[in-house]
Structures are given as structure tokens and as C-alpha cells.
Amino acid sequence: MLHVSLYDEAMTPIQVLELVKDMSCYPNFYIAYRILLTTPVTVSSGEKSFSKLKLLKNDLRSSMSQERLNGLSILCIENEILESLNFELIINDFASSTKARKKRFM
């Protein structure tokens, strides 16, 4: 039945997944195929991270601490998130929290 259904018309991978699910005679194949469809074709995010790390960790910065290197690498790798932040809100939030902390400790 699967052989006949697949060759009748061109099907997308999602349609094949739905067909296998509806047939319910290949439960292990359904699970494996579902996992296969969710894995990325390439892992460019990992390559991008290593490329950014190579730029950060040059001869001039080879003596920086691991904590600083982690912070700089997160800023470089996640720069889209960084660009969307509103720094005024962050600064005001931090400034107001330090005033409250000063009152508690005095």
C-alpha cells in the first residue's frame, strides 16, 4: 500500500510522514522519519560559532579569562538579539535596582 501511494503522485516529506502515521503499521519507521525531518541539513550555527571564536581569540587576546571570552563570544554569536535590545531600559532597570540595594545596606 505504501509503495502504491508514494508513486501515484509527488508527495512532500510531510505528506509521507502523515501517510505513514495514518497507516500505523510502521511505528518505528514513523518515529525515525519524524526525527530525520527535524534534524537540520547542515549545522551552520556551530560553524558560525567556531568562526567567531577564532576571530575573538587572537594573539592579542590570548591571555583573557574564560569568563570574559564566554561573554564576548555570546555577544558576537548572538548579535541579532543584542541589536534588538533597548539599552535605555536595561540601564534604567540596573540604576533603580542599585538604589534599592544601597538603601537595604545602609
C-alpha atoms as a PDB file:
ATOM      1  CA  MET A   1       0.000   0.000   0.000  1.00  0.00           C
ATOM      2  CA  LEU A   2       2.825   2.431   0.848  1.00  0.00           C
ATOM      3  CA  HIS A   3       4.560   1.670  -2.441  1.00  0.00           C
ATOM      4  CA  VAL A   4       1.395   2.366  -4.434  1.00  0.00           C
ATOM      5  CA  SER A   5       0.549   5.558  -2.517  1.00  0.00           C
ATOM      6  CA  LEU A   6       4.012   7.057  -2.903  1.00  0.00           C
ATOM      7  CA  TYR A   7       4.215   6.538  -6.642  1.00  0.00           C
ATOM      8  CA  ASP A   8       0.733   7.797  -7.523  1.00  0.00           C
ATOM      9  CA  GLU A   9       1.738  11.436  -7.141  1.00  0.00           C
ATOM     10  CA  ALA A  10       4.648  13.553  -5.979  1.00  0.00           C
ATOM     11  CA  MET A  11       4.427  13.931  -2.216  1.00  0.00           C
ATOM     12  CA  THR A  12       6.196  16.257   0.156  1.00  0.00           C
ATOM     13  CA  PRO A  13       8.116  14.787   3.101  1.00  0.00           C
ATOM     14  CA  ILE A  14       5.380  15.959   5.474  1.00  0.00           C
ATOM     15  CA  GLN A  15       2.727  14.189   3.402  1.00  0.00           C
ATOM     16  CA  VAL A  16       4.786  10.990   3.513  1.00  0.00           C
ATOM     17  CA  LEU A  17       5.042  11.348   7.285  1.00  0.00           C
ATOM     18  CA  GLU A  18       1.273  11.783   7.580  1.00  0.00           C
ATOM     19  CA  LEU A  19       0.695   8.777   5.329  1.00  0.00           C
ATOM     20  CA  VAL A  20       2.939   6.564   7.449  1.00  0.00           C
ATOM     21  CA  LYS A  21       1.241   7.853  10.601  1.00  0.00           C
ATOM     22  CA  ASP A  22      -2.229   7.139   9.207  1.00  0.00           C
ATOM     23  CA  MET A  23      -1.246   3.622   8.150  1.00  0.00           C
ATOM     24  CA  SER A  24       0.035   2.923  11.704  1.00  0.00           C
ATOM     25  CA  CYS A  25       1.727  -0.288  10.613  1.00  0.00           C
ATOM     26  CA  TYR A  26       5.274   1.108  10.791  1.00  0.00           C
ATOM     27  CA  PRO A  27       5.543   2.794  14.211  1.00  0.00           C
ATOM     28  CA  ASN A  28       9.350   2.640  14.381  1.00  0.00           C
ATOM     29  CA  PHE A  29       9.705   3.982  10.857  1.00  0.00           C
ATOM     30  CA  TYR A  30       7.333   6.825  11.713  1.00  0.00           C
ATOM     31  CA  ILE A  31       9.436   7.806  14.738  1.00  0.00           C
ATOM     32  CA  ALA A  32      12.727   7.555  12.826  1.00  0.00           C
ATOM     33  CA  TYR A  33      11.373   9.532   9.862  1.00  0.00           C
ATOM     34  CA  ARG A  34       9.962  12.221  12.155  1.00  0.00           C
ATOM     35  CA  ILE A  35      13.371  12.595  13.823  1.00  0.00           C
ATOM     36  CA  LEU A  36      15.053  12.726  10.415  1.00  0.00           C
ATOM     37  CA  LEU A  37      12.762  15.542   9.293  1.00  0.00           C
ATOM     38  CA  THR A  38      13.573  17.627  12.369  1.00  0.00           C
ATOM     39  CA  THR A  39      17.362  17.467  12.034  1.00  0.00           C
ATOM     40  CA  PRO A  40      18.946  20.329  10.117  1.00  0.00           C
ATOM     41  CA  VAL A  41      20.646  19.599   6.840  1.00  0.00           C
ATOM     42  CA  THR A  42      23.798  21.412   7.906  1.00  0.00           C
ATOM     43  CA  VAL A  43      24.951  22.643  11.248  1.00  0.00           C
ATOM     44  CA  SER A  44      25.918  26.139  10.216  1.00  0.00           C
ATOM     45  CA  SER A  45      25.313  27.562  13.683  1.00  0.00           C
ATOM     46  CA  GLY A  46      28.206  25.516  15.059  1.00  0.00           C
ATOM     47  CA  GLU A  47      30.455  26.558  12.198  1.00  0.00           C
ATOM     48  CA  LYS A  48      29.471  30.187  12.752  1.00  0.00           C
ATOM     49  CA  SER A  49      30.290  29.919  16.456  1.00  0.00           C
ATOM     50  CA  PHE A  50      33.753  28.500  15.829  1.00  0.00           C
ATOM     51  CA  SER A  51      34.430  31.140  13.197  1.00  0.00           C
ATOM     52  CA  LYS A  52      33.504  33.925  15.621  1.00  0.00           C
ATOM     53  CA  LEU A  53      35.574  32.325  18.377  1.00  0.00           C
ATOM     54  CA  LYS A  54      38.580  32.202  16.057  1.00  0.00           C
ATOM     55  CA  LEU A  55      38.196  35.947  15.419  1.00  0.00           C
ATOM     56  CA  LEU A  56      37.881  36.693  19.132  1.00  0.00           C
ATOM     57  CA  LYS A  57      40.736  34.548  20.362  1.00  0.00           C
ATOM     58  CA  ASN A  58      43.665  36.100  18.523  1.00  0.00           C
ATOM     59  CA  ASP A  59      47.225  36.668  19.762  1.00  0.00           C
ATOM     60  CA  LEU A  60      46.344  39.974  21.428  1.00  0.00           C
ATOM     61  CA  ARG A  61      43.528  38.421  23.458  1.00  0.00           C
ATOM     62  CA  SER A  62      45.113  35.078  24.249  1.00  0.00           C
ATOM     63  CA  SER A  63      45.512  35.933  27.930  1.00  0.00           C
ATOM     64  CA  MET A  64      41.878  36.833  28.672  1.00  0.00           C
ATOM     65  CA  SER A  65      39.952  34.891  31.277  1.00  0.00           C
ATOM     66  CA  GLN A  66      37.467  32.187  30.329  1.00  0.00           C
ATOM     67  CA  GLU A  67      34.568  34.227  31.730  1.00  0.00           C
ATOM     68  CA  ARG A  68      35.433  37.220  29.545  1.00  0.00           C
ATOM     69  CA  LEU A  69      35.901  35.004  26.484  1.00  0.00           C
ATOM     70  CA  ASN A  70      32.499  33.387  27.111  1.00  0.00           C
ATOM     71  CA  GLY A  71      30.822  36.779  27.421  1.00  0.00           C
ATOM     72  CA  LEU A  72      32.420  38.189  24.274  1.00  0.00           C
ATOM     73  CA  SER A  73      31.648  35.062  22.277  1.00  0.00           C
ATOM     74  CA  ILE A  74      27.970  35.167  23.299  1.00  0.00           C
ATOM     75  CA  LEU A  75      27.799  38.834  22.275  1.00  0.00           C
ATOM     76  CA  CYS A  76      29.363  38.083  18.880  1.00  0.00           C
ATOM     77  CA  ILE A  77      27.397  34.928  18.142  1.00  0.00           C
ATOM     78  CA  GLU A  78      24.003  36.257  19.264  1.00  0.00           C
ATOM     79  CA  ASN A  79      24.401  39.723  17.734  1.00  0.00           C
ATOM     80  CA  GLU A  80      20.841  39.731  16.320  1.00  0.00           C
ATOM     81  CA  ILE A  81      19.474  39.544  19.857  1.00  0.00           C
ATOM     82  CA  LEU A  82      21.973  42.157  21.003  1.00  0.00           C
ATOM     83  CA  GLU A  83      20.871  44.594  18.296  1.00  0.00           C
ATOM     84  CA  SER A  84      17.221  44.254  19.312  1.00  0.00           C
ATOM     85  CA  LEU A  85      17.842  45.167  22.977  1.00  0.00           C
ATOM     86  CA  ASN A  86      16.774  48.522  24.356  1.00  0.00           C
ATOM     87  CA  PHE A  87      19.800  49.662  26.337  1.00  0.00           C
ATOM     88  CA  GLU A  88      17.963  52.574  27.966  1.00  0.00           C
ATOM     89  CA  LEU A  89      15.568  50.154  29.704  1.00  0.00           C
ATOM     90  CA  ILE A  90      18.430  47.947  30.860  1.00  0.00           C
ATOM     91  CA  ILE A  91      20.406  50.911  32.225  1.00  0.00           C
ATOM     92  CA  ASN A  92      17.359  52.364  33.999  1.00  0.00           C
ATOM     93  CA  ASP A  93      16.484  48.961  35.469  1.00  0.00           C
ATOM     94  CA  PHE A  94      20.021  48.479  36.753  1.00  0.00           C
ATOM     95  CA  ALA A  95      20.192  52.033  38.129  1.00  0.00           C
ATOM     96  CA  SER A  96      16.922  51.643  40.016  1.00  0.00           C
ATOM     97  CA  SER A  97      17.971  48.293  41.460  1.00  0.00           C
ATOM     98  CA  THR A  98      21.274  49.675  42.742  1.00  0.00           C
ATOM     99  CA  LYS A  99      19.443  52.477  44.584  1.00  0.00           C
ATOM    100  CA  ALA A 100      17.237  49.916  46.291  1.00  0.00           C
ATOM    101  CA  ARG A 101      20.289  47.829  47.194  1.00  0.00           C
ATOM    102  CA  LYS A 102      22.038  50.858  48.690  1.00  0.00           C
ATOM    103  CA  LYS A 103      19.012  51.565  50.914  1.00  0.00           C
ATOM    104  CA  ARG A 104      18.976  47.974  52.166  1.00  0.00           C
ATOM    105  CA  PHE A 105      22.621  48.003  53.174  1.00  0.00           C
ATOM    106  CA  MET A 106      22.671  51.403  54.917  1.00  0.00           C
END
